[in-house]
N, C-alpha and C. Protein backbone atom coordinates (compact mmCIF):
# COMPACT_ATOMS: atom_id res chain seq x y z
N VAL A 1 -8.32 9.41 13.89
CA VAL A 1 -7.55 9.27 12.57
C VAL A 1 -7.43 7.61 12.92
N GLN A 2 -7.60 7.08 11.62
CA GLN A 2 -7.73 5.14 11.39
C GLN A 2 -7.55 5.39 10.10
N LEU A 3 -6.54 4.39 9.34
CA LEU A 3 -6.14 3.45 8.39
C LEU A 3 -5.89 2.03 8.69
N GLN A 4 -7.13 1.35 8.06
CA GLN A 4 -7.06 -0.32 8.18
C GLN A 4 -6.96 -0.70 7.06
N ALA A 5 -5.91 -1.73 7.16
CA ALA A 5 -5.58 -2.23 5.77
C ALA A 5 -6.05 -3.80 6.25
N SER A 6 -6.54 -4.31 5.10
CA SER A 6 -7.15 -5.63 5.13
C SER A 6 -6.96 -5.94 3.79
N GLY A 7 -7.30 -7.73 3.38
CA GLY A 7 -6.79 -8.64 2.23
C GLY A 7 -5.21 -9.58 2.38
N GLY A 8 -4.87 -9.18 3.86
CA GLY A 8 -3.70 -10.16 3.21
C GLY A 8 -3.82 -11.48 4.24
N GLY A 9 -2.86 -12.33 3.36
CA GLY A 9 -3.13 -14.08 4.13
C GLY A 9 -2.17 -14.35 2.75
N LEU A 10 -2.54 -15.24 2.80
CA LEU A 10 -0.91 -16.84 2.11
C LEU A 10 -1.76 -16.95 0.96
N VAL A 11 -0.83 -16.84 -0.05
CA VAL A 11 -0.69 -17.01 -1.23
C VAL A 11 -0.23 -17.55 -1.85
N LEU A 12 -0.40 -18.37 -3.00
CA LEU A 12 0.90 -19.47 -3.92
C LEU A 12 1.38 -18.57 -4.77
N ALA A 13 2.82 -18.37 -5.19
CA ALA A 13 2.96 -17.74 -6.10
C ALA A 13 2.65 -17.80 -7.60
N GLY A 14 2.62 -16.59 -7.92
CA GLY A 14 1.96 -16.72 -9.32
C GLY A 14 0.36 -16.20 -9.44
N GLY A 15 0.08 -16.30 -8.01
CA GLY A 15 -1.56 -15.80 -7.35
C GLY A 15 -2.04 -14.05 -7.47
N SER A 16 -3.04 -13.87 -7.18
CA SER A 16 -2.96 -12.70 -6.80
C SER A 16 -3.78 -12.26 -5.70
N ARG A 17 -3.75 -11.06 -4.99
CA ARG A 17 -4.15 -10.25 -3.88
C ARG A 17 -4.82 -8.92 -3.85
N THR A 18 -5.70 -8.55 -3.52
CA THR A 18 -6.25 -7.12 -3.49
C THR A 18 -6.26 -6.85 -1.75
N LEU A 19 -5.69 -5.93 -1.67
CA LEU A 19 -5.42 -5.09 0.16
C LEU A 19 -6.47 -3.91 -0.12
N THR A 20 -7.06 -3.79 0.89
CA THR A 20 -7.69 -2.27 1.35
C THR A 20 -7.92 -1.42 2.33
N CYS A 21 -7.40 -0.44 2.56
CA CYS A 21 -6.87 0.23 3.12
C CYS A 21 -8.61 1.22 3.36
N SER A 22 -8.85 1.34 4.64
CA SER A 22 -10.22 1.90 4.97
C SER A 22 -9.87 2.63 5.64
N ALA A 23 -10.11 4.43 5.67
CA ALA A 23 -9.63 5.67 6.32
C ALA A 23 -10.55 6.16 6.68
N SER A 24 -10.43 6.37 7.63
CA SER A 24 -12.05 7.56 9.12
C SER A 24 -10.88 8.76 9.79
N GLY A 25 -11.66 9.41 9.95
CA GLY A 25 -11.40 10.62 10.32
C GLY A 25 -9.98 11.44 10.06
N ILE A 26 -10.41 11.45 8.65
CA ILE A 26 -9.15 12.54 7.72
C ILE A 26 -10.60 12.88 6.42
N THR A 27 -10.11 13.88 6.03
CA THR A 27 -10.69 14.34 4.52
C THR A 27 -9.97 13.51 3.80
N PHE A 28 -10.15 12.51 2.51
CA PHE A 28 -9.93 11.34 2.20
C PHE A 28 -8.89 11.41 0.77
N SER A 29 -10.23 12.37 0.53
CA SER A 29 -9.56 12.97 -1.06
C SER A 29 -8.52 13.94 -0.60
N ASN A 30 -7.93 14.66 0.33
CA ASN A 30 -6.96 15.71 0.65
C ASN A 30 -5.71 15.03 0.59
N TYR A 31 -5.52 13.86 1.19
CA TYR A 31 -4.85 13.26 0.97
C TYR A 31 -4.18 12.58 -0.01
N GLU A 32 -2.54 12.63 -0.35
CA GLU A 32 -1.83 11.49 -1.05
C GLU A 32 -2.07 10.28 -0.02
N MET A 33 -1.77 9.29 -1.06
CA MET A 33 -1.89 7.84 -0.05
C MET A 33 -0.47 6.89 -0.84
N ALA A 34 -0.57 5.93 -0.01
CA ALA A 34 0.91 5.23 -0.53
C ALA A 34 0.75 3.47 0.21
N TRP A 35 1.56 3.02 -0.26
CA TRP A 35 1.55 1.63 0.15
C TRP A 35 3.03 0.99 0.00
N PHE A 36 3.47 1.05 1.87
CA PHE A 36 4.83 0.56 2.33
C PHE A 36 5.05 -1.07 2.24
N ARG A 37 5.97 -1.96 2.15
CA ARG A 37 6.21 -3.00 2.97
C ARG A 37 7.07 -3.04 3.67
N GLN A 38 7.56 -4.00 4.84
CA GLN A 38 8.53 -4.33 5.50
C GLN A 38 8.12 -6.15 5.35
N ALA A 39 9.68 -6.81 5.18
CA ALA A 39 10.28 -8.29 5.22
C ALA A 39 10.79 -8.01 6.45
N PRO A 40 10.69 -9.40 6.94
CA PRO A 40 11.31 -9.66 8.20
C PRO A 40 12.70 -9.68 7.73
N GLY A 41 13.51 -9.08 8.91
CA GLY A 41 14.85 -8.52 9.00
C GLY A 41 15.27 -7.58 7.65
N LYS A 42 13.96 -6.79 7.21
CA LYS A 42 14.64 -5.82 6.42
C LYS A 42 13.93 -4.54 7.08
N GLU A 43 14.46 -3.51 5.98
CA GLU A 43 13.63 -2.00 6.71
C GLU A 43 12.13 -1.83 5.30
N ARG A 44 11.85 -1.02 6.14
CA ARG A 44 10.33 -0.72 5.35
C ARG A 44 10.72 0.22 3.85
N GLU A 45 10.32 -0.68 3.17
CA GLU A 45 10.28 0.01 1.36
C GLU A 45 9.06 0.53 0.98
N PHE A 46 9.29 1.26 0.21
CA PHE A 46 8.11 2.05 -0.54
C PHE A 46 7.44 0.68 -1.71
N VAL A 47 6.31 0.88 -1.86
CA VAL A 47 5.59 0.08 -2.83
C VAL A 47 5.15 1.05 -4.06
N ALA A 48 3.91 1.79 -3.46
CA ALA A 48 3.28 2.79 -4.35
C ALA A 48 2.90 3.76 -4.06
N ILE A 49 2.42 4.77 -4.93
CA ILE A 49 1.61 5.99 -4.62
C ILE A 49 0.67 6.57 -5.65
N ILE A 50 -0.35 6.85 -4.72
CA ILE A 50 -1.50 7.93 -5.97
C ILE A 50 -1.36 9.22 -4.83
N SER A 51 -1.96 9.91 -5.89
CA SER A 51 -2.01 11.16 -5.71
C SER A 51 -3.47 11.77 -5.56
N GLN A 52 -3.24 12.63 -5.12
CA GLN A 52 -5.17 13.34 -4.57
C GLN A 52 -5.74 12.94 -6.14
N SER A 53 -4.66 13.74 -7.33
CA SER A 53 -5.02 13.77 -8.47
C SER A 53 -5.75 12.37 -9.28
N GLY A 54 -4.99 11.18 -8.16
CA GLY A 54 -5.01 9.92 -9.10
C GLY A 54 -3.50 9.27 -9.97
N SER A 55 -2.69 10.29 -9.89
CA SER A 55 -1.58 9.70 -10.51
C SER A 55 -0.77 9.04 -9.63
N THR A 56 0.17 7.80 -10.43
CA THR A 56 0.48 6.61 -10.06
C THR A 56 2.12 6.38 -9.69
N ALA A 57 2.28 6.21 -8.99
CA ALA A 57 4.45 5.61 -9.18
C ALA A 57 4.49 4.46 -8.50
N TYR A 58 5.67 3.59 -9.08
CA TYR A 58 5.39 2.17 -8.10
C TYR A 58 7.20 2.30 -8.12
N ALA A 59 7.56 1.27 -7.07
CA ALA A 59 8.68 0.54 -7.25
C ALA A 59 8.84 -0.25 -8.17
N ASP A 60 10.06 -0.32 -8.73
CA ASP A 60 10.67 -1.00 -9.93
C ASP A 60 10.32 -2.58 -9.86
N LEU A 61 10.45 -2.92 -8.52
CA LEU A 61 10.73 -4.24 -8.06
C LEU A 61 8.77 -4.91 -8.31
N VAL A 62 8.04 -3.63 -8.05
CA VAL A 62 6.61 -4.20 -8.38
C VAL A 62 5.83 -3.70 -9.89
N LYS A 63 6.73 -2.24 -10.40
CA LYS A 63 5.84 -2.38 -11.56
C LYS A 63 5.41 -3.50 -12.92
N GLY A 64 4.14 -3.09 -13.23
CA GLY A 64 3.98 -4.23 -14.07
C GLY A 64 3.08 -5.01 -13.28
N ARG A 65 3.29 -5.67 -12.27
CA ARG A 65 2.73 -6.75 -11.44
C ARG A 65 1.55 -6.07 -10.62
N PHE A 66 1.70 -4.92 -9.74
CA PHE A 66 0.90 -4.37 -9.05
C PHE A 66 0.03 -3.13 -9.61
N ALA A 67 -1.16 -2.82 -8.79
CA ALA A 67 -1.40 -1.59 -9.19
C ALA A 67 -2.67 -0.99 -8.00
N ILE A 68 -2.40 0.23 -7.80
CA ILE A 68 -2.72 0.85 -6.67
C ILE A 68 -3.98 1.90 -7.44
N SER A 69 -4.86 2.16 -6.50
CA SER A 69 -6.07 2.51 -7.02
C SER A 69 -6.66 3.20 -5.64
N ARG A 70 -7.44 4.07 -5.63
CA ARG A 70 -8.73 4.71 -4.40
C ARG A 70 -9.88 5.01 -5.42
N ASP A 71 -11.02 4.84 -4.42
CA ASP A 71 -12.04 5.41 -4.17
C ASP A 71 -12.73 6.12 -2.99
N ASN A 72 -12.24 7.65 -3.49
CA ASN A 72 -12.71 8.92 -3.14
C ASN A 72 -14.22 8.87 -1.89
N THR A 73 -15.18 8.81 -2.69
CA THR A 73 -16.45 7.91 -2.34
C THR A 73 -16.62 7.30 -0.96
N LYS A 74 -15.43 5.91 -1.20
CA LYS A 74 -15.61 5.34 -0.41
C LYS A 74 -14.45 5.14 1.05
N ASN A 75 -13.55 6.35 0.72
CA ASN A 75 -12.59 6.29 2.01
C ASN A 75 -11.62 5.27 1.23
N SER A 76 -11.25 5.26 0.59
CA SER A 76 -10.38 3.78 0.27
C SER A 76 -9.36 3.45 -0.33
N LEU A 77 -8.45 2.90 -0.33
CA LEU A 77 -7.28 2.89 -1.23
C LEU A 77 -7.01 1.35 -1.22
N TYR A 78 -6.36 1.16 -2.65
CA TYR A 78 -6.20 -0.68 -2.89
C TYR A 78 -4.97 -0.44 -3.42
N LEU A 79 -4.59 -2.12 -3.61
CA LEU A 79 -3.48 -2.36 -3.88
C LEU A 79 -3.94 -4.13 -4.46
N GLN A 80 -3.91 -3.87 -5.94
CA GLN A 80 -3.90 -5.15 -6.32
C GLN A 80 -3.03 -5.49 -7.36
N MET A 81 -2.61 -6.66 -6.13
CA MET A 81 -1.13 -7.42 -6.73
C MET A 81 -1.41 -8.90 -7.41
N ASP A 82 -0.62 -8.62 -8.60
CA ASP A 82 -0.76 -9.95 -9.41
C ASP A 82 0.71 -10.35 -9.54
N SER A 83 0.90 -11.49 -9.71
CA SER A 83 2.01 -12.41 -10.46
C SER A 83 2.85 -12.66 -9.16
N LEU A 84 2.78 -12.57 -8.10
CA LEU A 84 3.28 -12.29 -7.02
C LEU A 84 4.35 -13.54 -6.53
N GLU A 85 4.78 -13.19 -5.90
CA GLU A 85 6.02 -13.69 -6.04
C GLU A 85 6.55 -13.89 -3.82
N PRO A 86 7.46 -15.29 -3.91
CA PRO A 86 7.96 -15.25 -2.61
C PRO A 86 8.48 -13.95 -1.77
N GLY A 87 9.38 -13.34 -2.80
CA GLY A 87 9.45 -11.96 -2.62
C GLY A 87 8.94 -10.90 -1.77
N ASP A 88 7.48 -10.65 -2.45
CA ASP A 88 7.07 -10.15 -2.20
C ASP A 88 6.23 -10.38 -0.78
N THR A 89 6.84 -11.42 -0.15
CA THR A 89 6.12 -11.84 1.53
C THR A 89 7.12 -10.31 2.41
N ALA A 90 5.31 -10.02 3.08
CA ALA A 90 5.86 -8.85 4.01
C ALA A 90 4.78 -8.62 4.72
N VAL A 91 5.12 -7.73 5.90
CA VAL A 91 3.41 -6.71 6.05
C VAL A 91 3.63 -5.40 5.01
N TYR A 92 2.18 -5.55 4.53
CA TYR A 92 1.97 -4.03 3.82
C TYR A 92 1.10 -3.13 5.35
N TYR A 93 2.20 -1.77 4.67
CA TYR A 93 1.30 -0.99 5.16
C TYR A 93 0.60 0.15 4.53
N CYS A 94 -0.44 0.90 4.72
CA CYS A 94 -0.79 1.97 4.02
C CYS A 94 -0.37 3.33 4.80
N ALA A 95 -0.49 4.46 3.76
CA ALA A 95 0.08 5.46 4.50
C ALA A 95 -0.75 6.66 3.65
N ALA A 96 -0.76 7.89 4.95
CA ALA A 96 -1.18 9.00 4.44
C ALA A 96 -0.81 10.19 4.39
N ASP A 97 -0.92 11.36 3.70
CA ASP A 97 -0.03 12.77 4.00
C ASP A 97 -0.56 13.21 3.01
N ARG A 98 -0.35 14.81 3.57
CA ARG A 98 -0.66 15.90 2.25
C ARG A 98 0.45 16.06 1.43
N ASN A 99 1.71 15.56 1.94
CA ASN A 99 2.97 15.73 1.21
C ASN A 99 3.41 14.98 0.28
N LEU A 100 3.43 14.93 -0.88
CA LEU A 100 3.72 14.02 -2.09
C LEU A 100 4.84 13.32 -1.51
N GLY A 101 5.96 14.46 -1.76
CA GLY A 101 7.39 14.05 -1.52
C GLY A 101 7.74 13.41 -0.19
N GLN A 102 7.07 14.18 1.27
CA GLN A 102 7.38 13.21 1.70
C GLN A 102 7.23 11.91 1.98
N LEU A 103 5.53 11.64 1.45
CA LEU A 103 4.83 10.18 1.57
C LEU A 103 6.14 9.26 0.88
N ARG A 104 6.50 9.44 -0.45
CA ARG A 104 7.13 8.82 -1.46
C ARG A 104 8.30 8.61 -0.66
N TYR A 105 8.62 9.06 -0.13
CA TYR A 105 9.80 9.03 1.24
C TYR A 105 9.70 8.15 2.39
N GLY A 106 8.62 8.22 3.38
CA GLY A 106 8.13 7.60 3.95
C GLY A 106 8.60 8.48 5.10
N MET A 107 8.95 9.82 4.85
CA MET A 107 9.00 10.55 6.19
C MET A 107 8.27 11.37 6.68
N ARG A 108 8.72 11.64 7.68
CA ARG A 108 7.35 12.73 8.88
C ARG A 108 5.74 12.00 8.08
N VAL A 109 5.38 11.15 8.01
CA VAL A 109 4.55 11.06 7.05
C VAL A 109 3.20 11.05 8.71
N ASP A 110 2.42 11.59 7.61
CA ASP A 110 1.61 12.05 8.76
C ASP A 110 0.21 10.83 9.43
N TYR A 111 0.27 9.90 8.75
CA TYR A 111 -0.82 8.68 9.30
C TYR A 111 -0.28 6.99 8.52
N TRP A 112 0.08 6.31 9.33
CA TRP A 112 0.11 4.95 9.57
C TRP A 112 -0.80 3.60 9.46
N GLY A 113 -1.28 3.10 8.68
CA GLY A 113 -2.12 2.02 9.05
C GLY A 113 -1.24 1.09 9.73
N PRO A 114 -1.63 0.01 10.78
CA PRO A 114 -0.92 -1.31 11.69
C PRO A 114 -0.48 -2.35 10.54
N GLY A 115 -1.32 -2.29 9.43
CA GLY A 115 -0.40 -3.25 8.48
C GLY A 115 -0.88 -4.35 8.44
N THR A 116 -1.12 -5.29 6.80
CA THR A 116 -1.33 -6.84 6.94
C THR A 116 -0.29 -7.37 6.41
N GLN A 117 -0.36 -8.70 6.96
CA GLN A 117 0.73 -9.30 6.46
C GLN A 117 0.47 -10.22 5.03
N VAL A 118 0.82 -9.76 3.99
CA VAL A 118 1.08 -11.10 3.01
C VAL A 118 1.89 -11.74 2.85
N THR A 119 1.58 -13.58 2.78
CA THR A 119 2.37 -14.90 2.69
C THR A 119 2.60 -15.15 1.48
N VAL A 120 3.93 -15.32 0.16
CA VAL A 120 3.36 -16.07 -0.79
C VAL A 120 4.37 -16.89 -0.54
N SER A 121 3.67 -18.32 -0.42
CA SER A 121 4.50 -19.49 -1.04
C SER A 121 4.64 -20.40 -2.02
N SER A 122 5.60 -20.46 -2.11
CA SER A 122 6.73 -21.63 -3.35
C SER A 122 5.83 -23.01 -3.40
């Protein structure tokens, strides 16, 4: 099983970035999917989640600026990030689990990707 996140990089404050998580080795459509992030010196935090049926939820800090989506035909998860702020600087991780509740709180998650660095410069 592999979750590979890509799309990270350096972006100016106010800019946009799209992250992609490509999954292999799992039946992607059977999994709830989420993005988490971890900033230097801080604990990993929830960013956004999308259910098998396409229902979404967001952390308050990113609500209205980020959008999570999935394409089951491509085994891919996306995170569209707009109006980026320096506080969004972090390593972003995608995660997969068959239990929505477990995934939302990052507990006993089935699979984690290795992460991609997003740096927002002011």
